[in-house]
Amino acid sequence: MSNTTRWILAILLILYGIGFAAFVVFGGGISTIACQEIPPDWVYYILIASGLVAMAGGIVPAIMLIRRAKRGRILLALILAVLLSCGGYAAYFITLGNNC
């Protein structure tokens, strides 16, 4: 893979991470509109943490791609990032549902 292709893919991964993190935080924040009472603050910390994990999930594989890591490790990092991001988002919705 050429350097130009590697950098383009890395930039796309970083933009994906930032976009998905914004979706997680803003989408989760909007879903509190249906709450009858205000949830505790620690519920929002779960939302912010899952947004940071989603952003790291896009940035870490991009850095690995730039540093020419093995393809299997990059793929493993992407799969782990998706699982952790979706798990954090699901944990937020579960705690929001219990405290809303």
Protein backbone atom coordinates (compact mmCIF):
# COMPACT_ATOMS: atom_id res chain seq x y z
CA MET A 1 0.00 0.00 0.00
CA SER A 2 1.39 3.38 -0.97
CA ASN A 3 1.95 6.19 1.50
CA THR A 4 -0.76 8.33 -0.09
CA THR A 5 -3.36 5.57 0.25
CA ARG A 6 -2.26 4.89 3.81
CA TRP A 7 -2.64 8.55 4.81
CA ILE A 8 -6.01 8.92 3.07
CA LEU A 9 -7.35 5.86 4.89
CA ALA A 10 -5.95 7.15 8.17
CA ILE A 11 -7.62 10.54 7.73
CA LEU A 12 -10.91 8.84 6.86
CA LEU A 13 -10.65 6.69 10.00
CA ILE A 14 -10.00 9.75 12.14
CA LEU A 15 -13.00 11.55 10.64
CA TYR A 16 -15.10 8.43 11.24
CA GLY A 17 -14.03 8.39 14.89
CA ILE A 18 -14.86 12.06 15.41
CA GLY A 19 -18.19 11.73 13.60
CA PHE A 20 -19.23 8.61 15.48
CA ALA A 21 -18.23 10.16 18.80
CA ALA A 22 -20.34 13.22 18.01
CA PHE A 23 -23.27 10.95 17.14
CA VAL A 24 -22.88 9.07 20.41
CA VAL A 25 -22.75 12.16 22.60
CA PHE A 26 -25.38 14.26 20.85
CA GLY A 27 -27.68 11.34 20.11
CA GLY A 28 -27.52 10.22 23.71
CA GLY A 29 -28.07 13.74 24.96
CA ILE A 30 -31.15 14.17 22.81
CA SER A 31 -32.61 10.90 24.05
CA THR A 32 -32.89 12.38 27.55
CA ILE A 33 -35.75 14.57 26.31
CA ALA A 34 -38.23 11.79 27.00
CA CYS A 35 -37.19 11.51 30.66
CA GLN A 36 -39.82 12.35 33.25
CA GLU A 37 -37.19 13.40 35.78
CA ILE A 38 -33.57 14.46 35.53
CA PRO A 39 -31.18 11.49 35.65
CA PRO A 40 -28.17 11.62 38.00
CA ASP A 41 -24.90 13.11 36.78
CA TRP A 42 -23.03 9.79 36.69
CA VAL A 43 -25.32 8.64 33.87
CA TYR A 44 -23.98 11.45 31.70
CA TYR A 45 -20.42 10.45 32.56
CA ILE A 46 -21.11 7.07 30.95
CA LEU A 47 -22.23 8.92 27.82
CA ILE A 48 -19.10 11.06 27.72
CA ALA A 49 -16.86 8.03 28.33
CA SER A 50 -18.51 6.11 25.50
CA GLY A 51 -18.01 9.12 23.22
CA LEU A 52 -14.31 9.21 24.10
CA VAL A 53 -14.03 5.48 23.44
CA ALA A 54 -15.71 5.97 20.07
CA MET A 55 -13.26 8.72 19.19
CA ALA A 56 -10.29 6.62 20.28
CA GLY A 57 -11.73 3.78 18.21
CA GLY A 58 -11.23 5.84 15.09
CA ILE A 59 -7.90 7.39 16.01
CA VAL A 60 -5.97 4.36 17.31
CA PRO A 61 -6.38 2.20 14.16
CA ALA A 62 -5.46 5.24 12.05
CA ILE A 63 -2.23 5.68 13.98
CA MET A 64 -1.56 1.96 13.62
CA LEU A 65 -2.14 2.29 9.88
CA ILE A 66 0.27 5.21 9.58
CA ARG A 67 2.93 3.31 11.53
CA ARG A 68 2.50 0.31 9.22
CA ALA A 69 1.23 -2.20 11.75
CA LYS A 70 0.13 -5.63 10.57
CA ARG A 71 -3.29 -5.78 8.92
CA GLY A 72 -4.58 -8.32 11.44
CA ARG A 73 -3.80 -6.04 14.36
CA ILE A 74 -5.45 -3.07 12.68
CA LEU A 75 -8.55 -5.15 11.97
CA LEU A 76 -8.56 -6.39 15.57
CA ALA A 77 -8.32 -2.79 16.82
CA LEU A 78 -11.25 -1.77 14.60
CA ILE A 79 -13.41 -4.68 15.78
CA LEU A 80 -12.55 -3.99 19.41
CA ALA A 81 -13.33 -0.30 18.94
CA VAL A 82 -16.75 -1.04 17.47
CA LEU A 83 -17.58 -3.49 20.25
CA LEU A 84 -16.49 -1.10 23.01
CA SER A 85 -18.26 1.88 21.45
CA CYS A 86 -21.53 0.02 20.97
CA GLY A 87 -21.20 -1.51 24.44
CA GLY A 88 -20.72 1.91 26.05
CA TYR A 89 -23.68 3.34 24.14
CA ALA A 90 -25.84 0.38 25.19
CA ALA A 91 -24.71 0.77 28.82
CA TYR A 92 -25.75 4.41 28.68
CA PHE A 93 -29.21 3.54 27.41
CA ILE A 94 -29.66 0.82 30.01
CA THR A 95 -28.70 3.14 32.87
CA LEU A 96 -30.77 5.95 31.40
CA GLY A 97 -33.77 3.65 31.20
CA ASN A 98 -33.35 2.62 34.83
CA ASN A 99 -32.92 6.17 36.11
CA CYS A 100 -35.39 8.07 33.95
